[in-house]
Amino acid sequence: MIHAELTSEFKGETVVLVKTNIDGLNLFRSALLQVEIGSSGEPALIDGDQIHLVTVNESAAQVELSGKRVIWRLPRRKVKELMEKVSAMIEAAGPCHHYVDIDAPAHTLVISRDEYT
């Protein structure tokens, strides 16, 4: 499960909140790895009510939320940062989260494993 949403109710701040479990983190890491090694095509994560597409965009780190479609436009440096954080979350013994600076639609991305339902 991986679900992204824009919320203005996260500790008084507007953030992109990604709710996920271990399976969702593994899917996300696979897509990030495909982008990192430069394979052709757009890696896609498909889970339940959303389709996630991960692409490289060197100008800004953006997460476009459009109903059932989430488009991740990330500079290569941000792909690398997310790979490191997602890998650490997969290895964690239990619920955890990481914060990542992004450019739009908010300035903070929160990736949360097993903390929200």
N, C-alpha and C. Protein backbone atom coordinates (compact mmCIF):
# COMPACT_ATOMS: atom_id res chain seq x y z
N MET A 1 0.84 -1.17 0.00
CA MET A 1 0.00 0.00 0.00
C MET A 1 0.89 1.23 0.00
N ILE A 2 0.59 2.16 -0.89
CA ILE A 2 1.24 3.47 -0.89
C ILE A 2 0.19 4.48 -1.33
N HIS A 3 -0.02 5.50 -0.50
CA HIS A 3 -1.04 6.50 -0.78
C HIS A 3 -0.47 7.88 -0.46
N ALA A 4 -0.53 8.78 -1.43
CA ALA A 4 -0.02 10.14 -1.24
C ALA A 4 -1.17 11.13 -1.23
N GLU A 5 -1.06 12.13 -0.35
CA GLU A 5 -2.08 13.17 -0.28
C GLU A 5 -1.46 14.46 0.23
N LEU A 6 -2.07 15.57 -0.14
CA LEU A 6 -1.68 16.87 0.39
C LEU A 6 -2.55 17.14 1.60
N THR A 7 -1.92 17.42 2.73
CA THR A 7 -2.68 17.70 3.94
C THR A 7 -2.16 18.96 4.60
N SER A 8 -3.07 19.75 5.13
CA SER A 8 -2.69 20.97 5.84
C SER A 8 -2.75 20.76 7.35
N GLU A 9 -2.96 19.53 7.76
CA GLU A 9 -3.14 19.24 9.17
C GLU A 9 -2.02 18.38 9.75
N PHE A 10 -0.81 18.59 9.30
CA PHE A 10 0.32 17.82 9.82
C PHE A 10 1.17 18.74 10.68
N LYS A 11 0.94 18.69 11.97
CA LYS A 11 1.68 19.51 12.93
C LYS A 11 1.67 20.98 12.54
N GLY A 12 0.50 21.44 12.04
CA GLY A 12 0.34 22.84 11.68
C GLY A 12 0.97 23.24 10.37
N GLU A 13 1.41 22.29 9.59
CA GLU A 13 2.10 22.57 8.33
C GLU A 13 1.42 21.83 7.19
N THR A 14 1.45 22.41 6.00
CA THR A 14 0.97 21.72 4.81
C THR A 14 2.10 20.87 4.27
N VAL A 15 1.84 19.58 4.09
CA VAL A 15 2.85 18.64 3.62
C VAL A 15 2.23 17.68 2.61
N VAL A 16 3.09 17.04 1.84
CA VAL A 16 2.68 15.87 1.08
C VAL A 16 2.95 14.68 1.99
N LEU A 17 1.90 13.98 2.37
CA LEU A 17 2.00 12.84 3.28
C LEU A 17 1.85 11.56 2.48
N VAL A 18 2.86 10.71 2.56
CA VAL A 18 2.82 9.40 1.90
C VAL A 18 2.66 8.34 2.98
N LYS A 19 1.50 7.70 2.98
CA LYS A 19 1.22 6.62 3.93
C LYS A 19 1.54 5.31 3.24
N THR A 20 2.35 4.49 3.89
CA THR A 20 2.77 3.26 3.25
C THR A 20 3.04 2.16 4.26
N ASN A 21 3.19 0.95 3.74
CA ASN A 21 3.62 -0.18 4.54
C ASN A 21 4.89 -0.74 3.89
N ILE A 22 5.38 -1.86 4.38
CA ILE A 22 6.63 -2.41 3.87
C ILE A 22 6.52 -2.78 2.39
N ASP A 23 5.38 -3.30 1.97
CA ASP A 23 5.21 -3.65 0.55
C ASP A 23 5.25 -2.40 -0.33
N GLY A 24 4.59 -1.34 0.11
CA GLY A 24 4.61 -0.08 -0.63
C GLY A 24 6.01 0.52 -0.72
N LEU A 25 6.76 0.42 0.38
CA LEU A 25 8.14 0.92 0.37
C LEU A 25 8.99 0.13 -0.62
N ASN A 26 8.81 -1.17 -0.68
CA ASN A 26 9.56 -1.98 -1.63
C ASN A 26 9.22 -1.62 -3.08
N LEU A 27 7.95 -1.38 -3.36
CA LEU A 27 7.54 -0.94 -4.70
C LEU A 27 8.15 0.41 -5.04
N PHE A 28 8.11 1.33 -4.08
CA PHE A 28 8.65 2.68 -4.30
C PHE A 28 10.15 2.61 -4.54
N ARG A 29 10.85 1.81 -3.73
CA ARG A 29 12.30 1.67 -3.90
C ARG A 29 12.63 1.09 -5.28
N SER A 30 11.86 0.13 -5.74
CA SER A 30 12.09 -0.45 -7.07
C SER A 30 11.95 0.60 -8.16
N ALA A 31 10.92 1.44 -8.06
CA ALA A 31 10.73 2.50 -9.06
C ALA A 31 11.86 3.52 -9.00
N LEU A 32 12.28 3.89 -7.79
CA LEU A 32 13.40 4.83 -7.64
C LEU A 32 14.68 4.24 -8.23
N LEU A 33 14.89 2.96 -8.01
CA LEU A 33 16.08 2.30 -8.55
C LEU A 33 16.07 2.31 -10.08
N GLN A 34 14.90 2.06 -10.67
CA GLN A 34 14.79 2.10 -12.13
C GLN A 34 15.15 3.48 -12.66
N VAL A 35 14.69 4.52 -11.99
CA VAL A 35 15.01 5.89 -12.40
C VAL A 35 16.49 6.17 -12.18
N GLU A 36 17.02 5.71 -11.06
CA GLU A 36 18.42 5.98 -10.72
C GLU A 36 19.38 5.34 -11.73
N ILE A 37 19.07 4.14 -12.19
CA ILE A 37 19.97 3.48 -13.15
C ILE A 37 19.66 3.88 -14.59
N GLY A 38 18.62 4.69 -14.76
CA GLY A 38 18.33 5.25 -16.08
C GLY A 38 17.69 4.32 -17.07
N SER A 39 16.91 3.35 -16.59
CA SER A 39 16.23 2.45 -17.52
C SER A 39 15.18 3.23 -18.31
N SER A 40 14.83 2.74 -19.47
CA SER A 40 13.89 3.45 -20.33
C SER A 40 12.47 3.32 -19.81
N GLY A 41 11.65 4.28 -20.17
CA GLY A 41 10.26 4.29 -19.75
C GLY A 41 10.09 4.88 -18.37
N GLU A 42 8.85 5.08 -18.00
CA GLU A 42 8.54 5.62 -16.69
C GLU A 42 8.23 4.48 -15.74
N PRO A 43 9.01 4.33 -14.67
CA PRO A 43 8.67 3.32 -13.68
C PRO A 43 7.30 3.64 -13.07
N ALA A 44 6.52 2.65 -12.83
CA ALA A 44 5.19 2.88 -12.27
C ALA A 44 4.97 2.02 -11.04
N LEU A 45 4.34 2.62 -10.06
CA LEU A 45 3.88 1.88 -8.89
C LEU A 45 2.37 1.87 -8.99
N ILE A 46 1.78 0.74 -8.92
CA ILE A 46 0.33 0.67 -8.98
C ILE A 46 -0.16 0.01 -7.71
N ASP A 47 -1.00 0.70 -6.97
CA ASP A 47 -1.49 0.11 -5.72
C ASP A 47 -2.87 0.65 -5.41
N GLY A 48 -3.84 -0.19 -5.44
CA GLY A 48 -5.18 0.18 -5.00
C GLY A 48 -5.75 1.37 -5.73
N ASP A 49 -5.95 2.45 -5.01
CA ASP A 49 -6.68 3.58 -5.56
C ASP A 49 -5.79 4.63 -6.24
N GLN A 50 -4.47 4.43 -6.31
CA GLN A 50 -3.59 5.41 -6.96
C GLN A 50 -2.57 4.72 -7.87
N ILE A 51 -2.21 5.43 -8.94
CA ILE A 51 -1.11 5.01 -9.81
C ILE A 51 0.00 6.03 -9.61
N HIS A 52 1.21 5.57 -9.30
CA HIS A 52 2.36 6.44 -9.08
C HIS A 52 3.34 6.29 -10.23
N LEU A 53 3.71 7.41 -10.84
CA LEU A 53 4.72 7.43 -11.90
C LEU A 53 5.92 8.22 -11.40
N VAL A 54 7.11 7.68 -11.54
CA VAL A 54 8.32 8.34 -11.07
C VAL A 54 9.16 8.73 -12.28
N THR A 55 9.51 10.02 -12.38
CA THR A 55 10.31 10.51 -13.49
C THR A 55 11.41 11.43 -12.98
N VAL A 56 12.42 11.64 -13.82
CA VAL A 56 13.51 12.56 -13.48
C VAL A 56 13.17 13.93 -14.05
N ASN A 57 13.32 14.96 -13.21
CA ASN A 57 13.12 16.35 -13.59
C ASN A 57 14.20 17.13 -12.86
N GLU A 58 15.22 17.56 -13.56
CA GLU A 58 16.37 18.19 -12.89
C GLU A 58 16.08 19.57 -12.31
N SER A 59 14.99 20.19 -12.69
CA SER A 59 14.76 21.56 -12.23
C SER A 59 14.16 21.66 -10.83
N ALA A 60 13.31 20.73 -10.43
CA ALA A 60 12.65 20.85 -9.13
C ALA A 60 12.11 19.49 -8.69
N ALA A 61 11.95 19.36 -7.37
CA ALA A 61 11.34 18.15 -6.80
C ALA A 61 9.86 18.43 -6.59
N GLN A 62 9.04 17.78 -7.40
CA GLN A 62 7.61 18.02 -7.37
C GLN A 62 6.83 16.72 -7.28
N VAL A 63 5.73 16.78 -6.54
CA VAL A 63 4.81 15.64 -6.47
C VAL A 63 3.46 16.17 -6.94
N GLU A 64 3.03 15.73 -8.10
CA GLU A 64 1.75 16.18 -8.65
C GLU A 64 0.67 15.20 -8.23
N LEU A 65 -0.29 15.70 -7.47
CA LEU A 65 -1.39 14.88 -6.96
C LEU A 65 -2.63 15.21 -7.77
N SER A 66 -3.12 14.23 -8.50
CA SER A 66 -4.27 14.45 -9.36
C SER A 66 -5.21 13.26 -9.24
N GLY A 67 -6.00 13.27 -8.18
CA GLY A 67 -6.95 12.18 -7.97
C GLY A 67 -6.27 10.84 -7.81
N LYS A 68 -6.48 9.96 -8.76
CA LYS A 68 -5.93 8.60 -8.68
C LYS A 68 -4.53 8.49 -9.27
N ARG A 69 -3.97 9.61 -9.69
CA ARG A 69 -2.65 9.60 -10.33
C ARG A 69 -1.70 10.51 -9.55
N VAL A 70 -0.52 9.98 -9.27
CA VAL A 70 0.53 10.74 -8.58
C VAL A 70 1.77 10.69 -9.46
N ILE A 71 2.26 11.87 -9.84
CA ILE A 71 3.46 11.93 -10.68
C ILE A 71 4.59 12.53 -9.85
N TRP A 72 5.65 11.77 -9.69
CA TRP A 72 6.84 12.18 -8.96
C TRP A 72 7.84 12.71 -9.98
N ARG A 73 8.16 14.01 -9.92
CA ARG A 73 9.18 14.61 -10.79
C ARG A 73 10.34 15.00 -9.90
N LEU A 74 11.43 14.27 -10.01
CA LEU A 74 12.52 14.40 -9.04
C LEU A 74 13.87 14.59 -9.70
N PRO A 75 14.68 15.53 -9.18
CA PRO A 75 16.07 15.60 -9.63
C PRO A 75 16.81 14.34 -9.19
N ARG A 76 17.87 13.99 -9.90
CA ARG A 76 18.63 12.77 -9.56
C ARG A 76 19.13 12.79 -8.12
N ARG A 77 19.53 13.95 -7.62
CA ARG A 77 20.00 14.04 -6.23
C ARG A 77 18.88 13.68 -5.24
N LYS A 78 17.65 14.04 -5.59
CA LYS A 78 16.50 13.73 -4.72
C LYS A 78 16.15 12.25 -4.82
N VAL A 79 16.31 11.66 -6.00
CA VAL A 79 16.11 10.22 -6.16
C VAL A 79 17.07 9.48 -5.24
N LYS A 80 18.33 9.90 -5.24
CA LYS A 80 19.34 9.27 -4.39
C LYS A 80 18.99 9.42 -2.91
N GLU A 81 18.57 10.62 -2.50
CA GLU A 81 18.18 10.86 -1.11
C GLU A 81 17.00 9.98 -0.72
N LEU A 82 16.00 9.91 -1.57
CA LEU A 82 14.83 9.07 -1.28
C LEU A 82 15.20 7.60 -1.22
N MET A 83 16.08 7.15 -2.11
CA MET A 83 16.54 5.74 -2.08
C MET A 83 17.15 5.42 -0.72
N GLU A 84 17.99 6.31 -0.22
CA GLU A 84 18.64 6.08 1.07
C GLU A 84 17.62 6.03 2.20
N LYS A 85 16.68 6.97 2.20
CA LYS A 85 15.70 7.03 3.28
C LYS A 85 14.70 5.88 3.22
N VAL A 86 14.25 5.55 2.03
CA VAL A 86 13.31 4.44 1.88
C VAL A 86 13.98 3.12 2.27
N SER A 87 15.23 2.94 1.87
CA SER A 87 15.97 1.72 2.25
C SER A 87 16.10 1.60 3.76
N ALA A 88 16.39 2.71 4.43
CA ALA A 88 16.48 2.70 5.89
C ALA A 88 15.14 2.36 6.52
N MET A 89 14.05 2.86 5.94
CA MET A 89 12.72 2.57 6.48
C MET A 89 12.36 1.10 6.30
N ILE A 90 12.80 0.51 5.21
CA ILE A 90 12.54 -0.92 4.97
C ILE A 90 13.27 -1.75 6.02
N GLU A 91 14.47 -1.35 6.37
CA GLU A 91 15.27 -2.08 7.35
C GLU A 91 14.83 -1.85 8.80
N ALA A 92 14.05 -0.80 9.05
CA ALA A 92 13.62 -0.47 10.41
C ALA A 92 12.76 -1.59 10.99
N ALA A 93 12.82 -1.74 12.30
CA ALA A 93 12.10 -2.82 12.99
C ALA A 93 10.60 -2.57 13.08
N GLY A 94 10.17 -1.33 12.93
CA GLY A 94 8.75 -1.05 13.09
C GLY A 94 8.36 0.26 12.44
N PRO A 95 7.24 0.86 12.89
CA PRO A 95 6.77 2.11 12.31
C PRO A 95 7.86 3.19 12.33
N CYS A 96 7.91 3.98 11.26
CA CYS A 96 8.92 5.03 11.17
C CYS A 96 8.50 6.04 10.10
N HIS A 97 9.23 7.14 10.04
CA HIS A 97 8.96 8.14 9.00
C HIS A 97 10.23 8.93 8.70
N HIS A 98 10.21 9.60 7.56
CA HIS A 98 11.30 10.49 7.16
C HIS A 98 10.70 11.74 6.55
N TYR A 99 11.42 12.85 6.70
CA TYR A 99 11.05 14.12 6.09
C TYR A 99 12.00 14.39 4.93
N VAL A 100 11.46 14.90 3.83
CA VAL A 100 12.27 15.22 2.66
C VAL A 100 11.84 16.60 2.16
N ASP A 101 12.80 17.47 1.90
CA ASP A 101 12.49 18.78 1.32
C ASP A 101 12.12 18.61 -0.15
N ILE A 102 11.02 19.24 -0.54
CA ILE A 102 10.60 19.25 -1.95
C ILE A 102 10.21 20.69 -2.31
N ASP A 103 9.89 20.90 -3.57
CA ASP A 103 9.56 22.24 -4.04
C ASP A 103 8.06 22.47 -4.20
N ALA A 104 7.30 21.45 -4.55
CA ALA A 104 5.87 21.64 -4.78
C ALA A 104 5.14 20.30 -4.65
N PRO A 105 3.92 20.31 -4.23
CA PRO A 105 3.03 21.43 -3.93
C PRO A 105 3.18 21.98 -2.51
N ALA A 106 4.06 21.39 -1.74
CA ALA A 106 4.40 21.86 -0.39
C ALA A 106 5.93 21.81 -0.31
N HIS A 107 6.47 22.29 0.80
CA HIS A 107 7.93 22.27 0.95
C HIS A 107 8.44 21.03 1.66
N THR A 108 7.51 20.23 2.20
CA THR A 108 7.91 19.04 2.95
C THR A 108 7.14 17.82 2.47
N LEU A 109 7.89 16.75 2.26
CA LEU A 109 7.33 15.43 1.98
C LEU A 109 7.56 14.59 3.22
N VAL A 110 6.51 13.95 3.71
CA VAL A 110 6.62 13.05 4.85
C VAL A 110 6.29 11.65 4.35
N ILE A 111 7.25 10.74 4.47
CA ILE A 111 7.01 9.34 4.12
C ILE A 111 6.86 8.58 5.42
N SER A 112 5.71 7.95 5.60
CA SER A 112 5.40 7.29 6.86
C SER A 112 5.10 5.81 6.64
N ARG A 113 5.80 4.97 7.38
CA ARG A 113 5.56 3.52 7.31
C ARG A 113 4.78 3.06 8.54
N ASP A 114 3.61 2.50 8.30
CA ASP A 114 2.79 1.87 9.34
C ASP A 114 2.41 2.80 10.49
N GLU A 115 2.33 4.11 10.23
CA GLU A 115 1.93 5.06 11.28
C GLU A 115 0.51 5.58 11.09
N TYR A 116 0.02 5.55 9.87
CA TYR A 116 -1.33 6.05 9.57
C TYR A 116 -2.08 4.97 8.80
N THR A 117 -3.38 4.90 9.02
CA THR A 117 -4.18 3.91 8.29
C THR A 117 -5.02 4.57 7.23
